[in-house]
Amino acid sequence: MTIAIIFGPTGHVGSAVALSAHSFGATRVILAMRDPSKPIPGLSPTLEASPTRPFQRITADLSVPSTLTTAVKSTSATHAFIYHIFGSPDHMHSALTALKSAGITHVVFLSTGGLRGDLTLTPPDNPIFWAHAQVELNLLAVFGKENFTPVRPGFFATNAFLWKAQVPTGKLRIFAPDMTLDWITPGDIGRVTASVLLQGRKAGDEEAVGIYGPEKISFRDGLGAIVKAVTGREAEIEEVGVEGGVKLYVEGGTPEMLARVLVESFAKLKVLQQEGGDWLPVGEEWEEAGKVVERYTGRPATKLSEWIEEAKGEFK
């Protein structure tokens, strides 16, 4: 009997992990969240009450280690899905120690596709990449290489919701509109993660599991396709500079400090691509990366056009 505890199940990825966990071998799925009364995307009351998918809600907070001890011990969970907590003074070391002491034997961590190679060499000038690297290093120290797996997605398709207010107008302000991204969907991330959590890594993924969308598509074309699907019109795109980009992210609900980090990161990636490099895999590595979703889930990665059809109602 494998009991999986899913932290953050109210999010796009966390809910997909929770909904997929049973099909990959979980006999019970624990939904751990600060407020157990919150709705979980895709989880209807009927499905939640289904005897074939036993779900259990519980109060827990990754930033409060004592709640983790209680949650794990009271449910007998052994497998855990976790995400990064920004602002953790010890890069989640206390939380990880609490999880292990309470009985967790396998952890899957939602990391970032920006990490590669020796994590100790991750430069601190990108706080997002650096912070995730510190958690991965702590996971290695607490759980050991064989007992945790980082999943490292590329660019989330759901980042398009930052333009939610602009899409119906048909007018978009975009920083670095020609930068190409992979637009991985939360459903694909969740399904791969659930597979890794319950069935382990596949051969060739000894260090981490990179999860990427099937196509490299620019901001201009990707967001333009959303505008077309929602309004039936071609998008009018205004390219903005760094400060305009920061303002855009702040308007979308991102804290200003994090917004500036994101935009400055994109500025560096823009230059990298202009010089012939990429933060995404390239060449044969990209071809192999495109097979990851199917290797873990048995179905091809979702194309951006398919996700747009599913999600376009949320932009209206």
Protein backbone atom coordinates (compact mmCIF):
# COMPACT_ATOMS: atom_id res chain seq x y z
CA MET A 1 0.00 0.00 0.00
CA THR A 2 1.46 3.34 -1.09
CA ILE A 3 0.13 6.52 0.46
CA ALA A 4 1.14 9.74 -1.29
CA ILE A 5 0.89 13.17 0.29
CA ILE A 6 0.55 16.06 -2.17
CA PHE A 7 1.42 19.54 -0.94
CA GLY A 8 -0.18 22.46 -2.77
CA PRO A 9 -3.03 20.51 -4.44
CA THR A 10 -5.00 23.70 -5.09
CA GLY A 11 -2.47 24.83 -7.71
CA HIS A 12 -2.43 23.94 -11.40
CA VAL A 13 0.43 21.45 -11.05
CA GLY A 14 -0.38 20.16 -7.56
CA SER A 15 -3.95 19.35 -8.52
CA ALA A 16 -2.75 17.49 -11.61
CA VAL A 17 -0.35 15.45 -9.46
CA ALA A 18 -3.14 14.64 -7.00
CA LEU A 19 -5.61 13.63 -9.70
CA SER A 20 -3.03 11.44 -11.44
CA ALA A 21 -1.49 9.78 -8.38
CA HIS A 22 -4.04 6.97 -8.12
CA SER A 23 -3.56 5.83 -11.72
CA PHE A 24 0.18 5.50 -11.11
CA GLY A 25 -0.16 3.38 -8.00
CA ALA A 26 -1.20 5.42 -4.97
CA THR A 27 -3.74 3.60 -2.83
CA ARG A 28 -4.54 6.78 -0.91
CA VAL A 29 -3.90 10.43 -1.80
CA ILE A 30 -3.46 12.97 1.00
CA LEU A 31 -4.29 16.55 0.02
CA ALA A 32 -2.12 18.72 2.26
CA MET A 33 -2.86 22.44 2.33
CA ARG A 34 -3.04 25.43 4.62
CA ASP A 35 -6.82 25.68 4.16
CA PRO A 36 -8.44 22.26 3.57
CA SER A 37 -11.72 23.89 2.60
CA LYS A 38 -10.32 25.41 -0.59
CA PRO A 39 -11.53 23.97 -3.90
CA ILE A 40 -9.11 21.82 -5.88
CA PRO A 41 -9.18 22.24 -9.67
CA GLY A 42 -10.65 19.19 -11.38
CA LEU A 43 -11.67 17.49 -8.15
CA SER A 44 -15.46 17.41 -7.91
CA PRO A 45 -17.25 16.37 -4.70
CA THR A 46 -18.39 13.21 -6.50
CA LEU A 47 -14.87 12.25 -7.54
CA GLU A 48 -13.47 13.11 -4.13
CA ALA A 49 -16.01 10.83 -2.48
CA SER A 50 -15.42 7.98 -4.95
CA PRO A 51 -14.33 4.77 -3.17
CA THR A 52 -11.95 4.00 -6.04
CA ARG A 53 -9.98 7.21 -5.52
CA PRO A 54 -9.64 7.64 -1.77
CA PHE A 55 -8.70 11.23 -1.07
CA GLN A 56 -8.11 12.76 2.35
CA ARG A 57 -7.74 16.46 3.11
CA ILE A 58 -5.41 17.57 5.88
CA THR A 59 -4.02 20.83 7.24
CA ALA A 60 -0.29 21.28 6.63
CA ASP A 61 2.11 24.08 5.74
CA LEU A 62 5.57 23.49 4.27
CA SER A 63 6.80 26.58 6.09
CA VAL A 64 5.75 25.14 9.48
CA PRO A 65 7.66 21.85 10.07
CA SER A 66 5.55 20.79 13.05
CA THR A 67 2.46 20.56 10.81
CA LEU A 68 4.37 18.27 8.47
CA THR A 69 5.18 15.86 11.26
CA THR A 70 1.53 15.66 12.24
CA ALA A 71 0.30 15.31 8.66
CA VAL A 72 2.67 12.50 7.74
CA LYS A 73 2.39 10.52 10.97
CA SER A 74 -1.41 10.74 11.10
CA THR A 75 -1.81 9.49 7.53
CA SER A 76 1.14 7.04 7.31
CA ALA A 77 2.20 8.69 4.04
CA THR A 78 5.51 7.51 2.59
CA HIS A 79 5.73 9.43 -0.71
CA ALA A 80 5.59 13.23 -0.88
CA PHE A 81 5.29 15.84 -3.61
CA ILE A 82 6.59 19.25 -2.54
CA TYR A 83 7.29 22.64 -4.06
CA HIS A 84 9.65 25.50 -3.24
CA ILE A 85 8.79 27.90 -0.43
CA PHE A 86 10.31 31.31 -1.17
CA GLY A 87 11.65 33.06 1.88
CA SER A 88 12.52 29.89 3.79
CA PRO A 89 15.48 30.93 6.01
CA ASP A 90 17.14 27.50 5.76
CA HIS A 91 16.07 26.63 2.20
CA MET A 92 13.50 24.18 3.54
CA HIS A 93 16.03 22.07 5.46
CA SER A 94 13.82 21.99 8.58
CA ALA A 95 10.80 20.98 6.51
CA LEU A 96 12.72 18.21 4.78
CA THR A 97 14.08 16.89 8.06
CA ALA A 98 10.56 16.85 9.52
CA LEU A 99 9.21 14.94 6.52
CA LYS A 100 11.92 12.29 6.74
CA SER A 101 11.67 11.91 10.51
CA ALA A 102 7.90 11.47 10.24
CA GLY A 103 8.19 8.61 7.74
CA ILE A 104 8.55 9.97 4.21
CA THR A 105 10.86 7.72 2.18
CA HIS A 106 10.59 9.30 -1.28
CA VAL A 107 10.23 12.94 -2.29
CA VAL A 108 9.59 14.55 -5.67
CA PHE A 109 10.42 18.24 -5.74
CA LEU A 110 8.98 20.71 -8.27
CA SER A 111 12.15 22.50 -9.30
CA THR A 112 13.04 24.54 -12.40
CA GLY A 113 14.32 23.75 -15.85
CA GLY A 114 16.95 26.43 -15.39
CA LEU A 115 19.14 24.07 -13.35
CA ARG A 116 21.79 21.88 -14.92
CA GLY A 117 25.16 20.47 -14.02
CA ASP A 118 26.87 21.01 -10.66
CA LEU A 119 24.31 22.70 -8.41
CA THR A 120 27.02 24.09 -6.14
CA LEU A 121 28.10 26.27 -9.07
CA THR A 122 24.66 27.81 -9.61
CA PRO A 123 25.28 31.58 -9.70
CA PRO A 124 23.37 33.63 -7.12
CA ASP A 125 22.67 36.40 -9.65
CA ASN A 126 19.52 34.49 -10.62
CA PRO A 127 17.72 34.16 -7.26
CA ILE A 128 15.06 31.81 -8.65
CA PHE A 129 17.50 29.26 -10.03
CA TRP A 130 19.82 29.64 -7.04
CA ALA A 131 17.06 29.19 -4.45
CA HIS A 132 15.81 26.00 -6.11
CA ALA A 133 19.38 24.71 -6.27
CA GLN A 134 19.76 25.18 -2.51
CA VAL A 135 16.62 23.12 -1.85
CA GLU A 136 17.85 20.38 -4.17
CA LEU A 137 21.17 20.31 -2.32
CA ASN A 138 19.32 20.05 1.00
CA LEU A 139 17.19 17.22 -0.39
CA LEU A 140 20.35 15.41 -1.41
CA ALA A 141 21.79 15.85 2.09
CA VAL A 142 18.62 14.80 3.95
CA PHE A 143 17.18 12.05 1.73
CA GLY A 144 20.10 10.91 -0.41
CA LYS A 145 20.27 10.63 -4.18
CA GLU A 146 18.13 7.50 -4.42
CA ASN A 147 15.25 8.82 -2.35
CA PHE A 148 14.40 12.12 -4.01
CA THR A 149 13.88 13.31 -7.56
CA PRO A 150 13.74 16.88 -8.80
CA VAL A 151 11.37 17.42 -11.72
CA ARG A 152 12.51 20.42 -13.76
CA PRO A 153 9.84 21.88 -16.03
CA GLY A 154 10.53 24.49 -18.69
CA PHE A 155 8.23 27.48 -19.26
CA PHE A 156 4.75 26.95 -17.83
CA ALA A 157 1.93 27.53 -20.33
CA THR A 158 -0.08 28.93 -17.41
CA ASN A 159 2.29 31.91 -17.28
CA ALA A 160 0.07 33.19 -20.09
CA PHE A 161 -2.47 34.11 -17.42
CA LEU A 162 -0.29 37.13 -16.65
CA TRP A 163 -1.86 38.58 -19.80
CA LYS A 164 -5.37 37.55 -18.79
CA ALA A 165 -6.67 41.12 -18.61
CA GLN A 166 -5.06 42.09 -21.92
CA VAL A 167 -6.12 39.12 -24.04
CA PRO A 168 -9.80 40.12 -24.48
CA THR A 169 -8.69 43.56 -25.71
CA GLY A 170 -6.47 42.03 -28.37
CA LYS A 171 -3.65 44.37 -27.36
CA LEU A 172 -0.62 42.85 -25.64
CA ARG A 173 2.43 44.39 -24.00
CA ILE A 174 5.30 41.90 -24.10
CA PHE A 175 8.92 42.00 -23.00
CA ALA A 176 11.18 40.06 -25.41
CA PRO A 177 8.29 38.95 -27.67
CA ASP A 178 10.53 36.91 -30.00
CA MET A 179 12.14 34.80 -27.28
CA THR A 180 11.15 31.15 -27.79
CA LEU A 181 9.73 28.99 -25.00
CA ASP A 182 8.43 25.45 -24.69
CA TRP A 183 5.01 26.12 -23.06
CA ILE A 184 4.76 22.94 -20.97
CA THR A 185 1.24 22.42 -19.60
CA PRO A 186 0.45 21.86 -15.92
CA GLY A 187 -1.41 18.66 -16.78
CA ASP A 188 1.70 17.17 -18.38
CA ILE A 189 3.90 18.31 -15.50
CA GLY A 190 1.46 16.78 -13.02
CA ARG A 191 1.14 13.47 -14.80
CA VAL A 192 4.90 13.04 -15.23
CA THR A 193 5.42 14.02 -11.60
CA ALA A 194 2.84 11.52 -10.37
CA SER A 195 4.55 8.81 -12.40
CA VAL A 196 7.95 9.69 -10.94
CA LEU A 197 6.52 9.89 -7.43
CA LEU A 198 4.86 6.48 -7.51
CA GLN A 199 6.92 4.50 -10.03
CA GLY A 200 10.33 6.14 -9.90
CA ARG A 201 12.71 7.50 -12.52
CA LYS A 202 13.21 5.96 -15.92
CA ALA A 203 16.61 4.90 -17.22
CA GLY A 204 18.62 7.92 -18.29
CA ASP A 205 17.05 10.22 -15.70
CA GLU A 206 19.39 9.41 -12.83
CA GLU A 207 19.89 13.03 -11.73
CA ALA A 208 16.61 14.78 -12.53
CA VAL A 209 13.60 14.63 -14.82
CA GLY A 210 13.36 17.52 -17.26
CA ILE A 211 9.83 18.16 -18.52
CA TYR A 212 9.34 20.25 -21.66
CA GLY A 213 6.59 21.09 -24.08
CA PRO A 214 6.76 19.61 -27.59
CA GLU A 215 7.42 22.86 -29.48
CA LYS A 216 9.49 26.01 -29.16
CA ILE A 217 7.16 28.93 -29.73
CA SER A 218 7.81 32.63 -29.20
CA PHE A 219 5.91 34.86 -26.80
CA ARG A 220 4.61 36.70 -29.87
CA ASP A 221 3.17 33.59 -31.52
CA GLY A 222 2.02 31.84 -28.37
CA LEU A 223 0.16 34.77 -26.85
CA GLY A 224 -1.03 35.80 -30.29
CA ALA A 225 -2.63 32.37 -30.72
CA ILE A 226 -4.46 32.84 -27.42
CA VAL A 227 -5.78 36.23 -28.54
CA LYS A 228 -6.93 34.70 -31.83
CA ALA A 229 -8.71 31.84 -30.05
CA VAL A 230 -10.44 34.15 -27.57
CA THR A 231 -11.31 37.15 -29.76
CA GLY A 232 -11.12 35.87 -33.31
CA ARG A 233 -8.77 38.74 -34.16
CA GLU A 234 -5.05 39.08 -34.73
CA ALA A 235 -3.16 40.42 -31.73
CA GLU A 236 -1.69 43.91 -31.64
CA ILE A 237 1.66 43.57 -29.89
CA GLU A 238 3.69 46.32 -28.25
CA GLU A 239 7.23 45.42 -27.25
CA VAL A 240 8.18 46.91 -23.89
CA GLY A 241 11.53 47.38 -22.17
CA VAL A 242 12.69 46.11 -18.80
CA GLU A 243 10.67 48.56 -16.71
CA GLY A 244 7.59 47.92 -18.81
CA GLY A 245 8.11 44.21 -18.31
CA VAL A 246 8.38 44.60 -14.56
CA LYS A 247 5.18 46.66 -14.53
CA LEU A 248 3.44 43.99 -16.58
CA TYR A 249 4.33 41.23 -14.12
CA VAL A 250 3.39 43.36 -11.11
CA GLU A 251 0.01 44.07 -12.70
CA GLY A 252 -0.40 40.31 -13.06
CA GLY A 253 0.06 39.83 -9.32
CA THR A 254 3.79 39.11 -9.08
CA PRO A 255 5.63 40.83 -6.18
CA GLU A 256 7.85 43.60 -7.58
CA MET A 257 11.12 42.06 -6.41
CA LEU A 258 10.28 38.72 -8.04
CA ALA A 259 8.96 40.51 -11.14
CA ARG A 260 12.28 42.27 -11.57
CA VAL A 261 14.17 38.98 -11.18
CA LEU A 262 11.97 37.35 -13.82
CA VAL A 263 12.37 40.16 -16.33
CA GLU A 264 16.11 40.43 -15.80
CA SER A 265 16.35 36.66 -16.29
CA PHE A 266 14.41 36.92 -19.52
CA ALA A 267 16.70 39.73 -20.63
CA LYS A 268 19.70 37.42 -20.26
CA LEU A 269 17.92 34.56 -21.99
CA LYS A 270 16.95 36.88 -24.84
CA VAL A 271 20.61 37.74 -25.40
CA LEU A 272 21.58 34.08 -25.09
CA GLN A 273 19.16 33.09 -27.84
CA GLN A 274 20.23 35.99 -30.03
CA GLU A 275 23.80 34.70 -29.76
CA GLY A 276 22.76 31.20 -30.85
CA GLY A 277 22.47 29.62 -27.40
CA ASP A 278 19.42 28.61 -25.40
CA TRP A 279 18.34 27.82 -21.87
CA LEU A 280 16.25 25.00 -23.33
CA PRO A 281 17.86 21.79 -24.61
CA VAL A 282 19.06 21.97 -28.21
CA GLY A 283 19.76 19.51 -31.02
CA GLU A 284 19.62 15.83 -30.10
CA GLU A 285 19.10 16.73 -26.45
CA TRP A 286 15.93 18.60 -27.43
CA GLU A 287 14.69 15.61 -29.43
CA GLU A 288 15.13 13.39 -26.38
CA ALA A 289 13.56 15.97 -24.07
CA GLY A 290 10.47 15.95 -26.26
CA LYS A 291 9.92 12.25 -25.50
CA VAL A 292 9.91 12.58 -21.70
CA VAL A 293 6.19 13.16 -21.25
CA GLU A 294 5.29 10.14 -23.36
CA ARG A 295 7.91 7.93 -21.67
CA TYR A 296 6.41 8.61 -18.25
CA THR A 297 2.71 8.90 -19.09
CA GLY A 298 2.14 6.87 -22.24
CA ARG A 299 0.78 9.88 -24.14
CA PRO A 300 2.51 12.62 -26.15
CA ALA A 301 3.14 16.03 -24.65
CA THR A 302 0.25 18.45 -25.04
CA LYS A 303 0.71 21.05 -27.77
CA LEU A 304 0.14 24.70 -26.95
CA SER A 305 -2.75 24.82 -29.43
CA GLU A 306 -4.45 21.96 -27.57
CA TRP A 307 -3.99 23.66 -24.20
CA ILE A 308 -5.39 26.92 -25.59
CA GLU A 309 -8.59 25.15 -26.60
CA GLU A 310 -8.91 23.76 -23.06
CA ALA A 311 -8.06 27.02 -21.29
CA LYS A 312 -9.39 29.80 -23.53
CA GLY A 313 -12.53 30.20 -21.44
CA GLU A 314 -10.37 31.34 -18.52
CA PHE A 315 -9.17 34.34 -20.53
CA LYS A 316 -12.67 35.71 -21.21
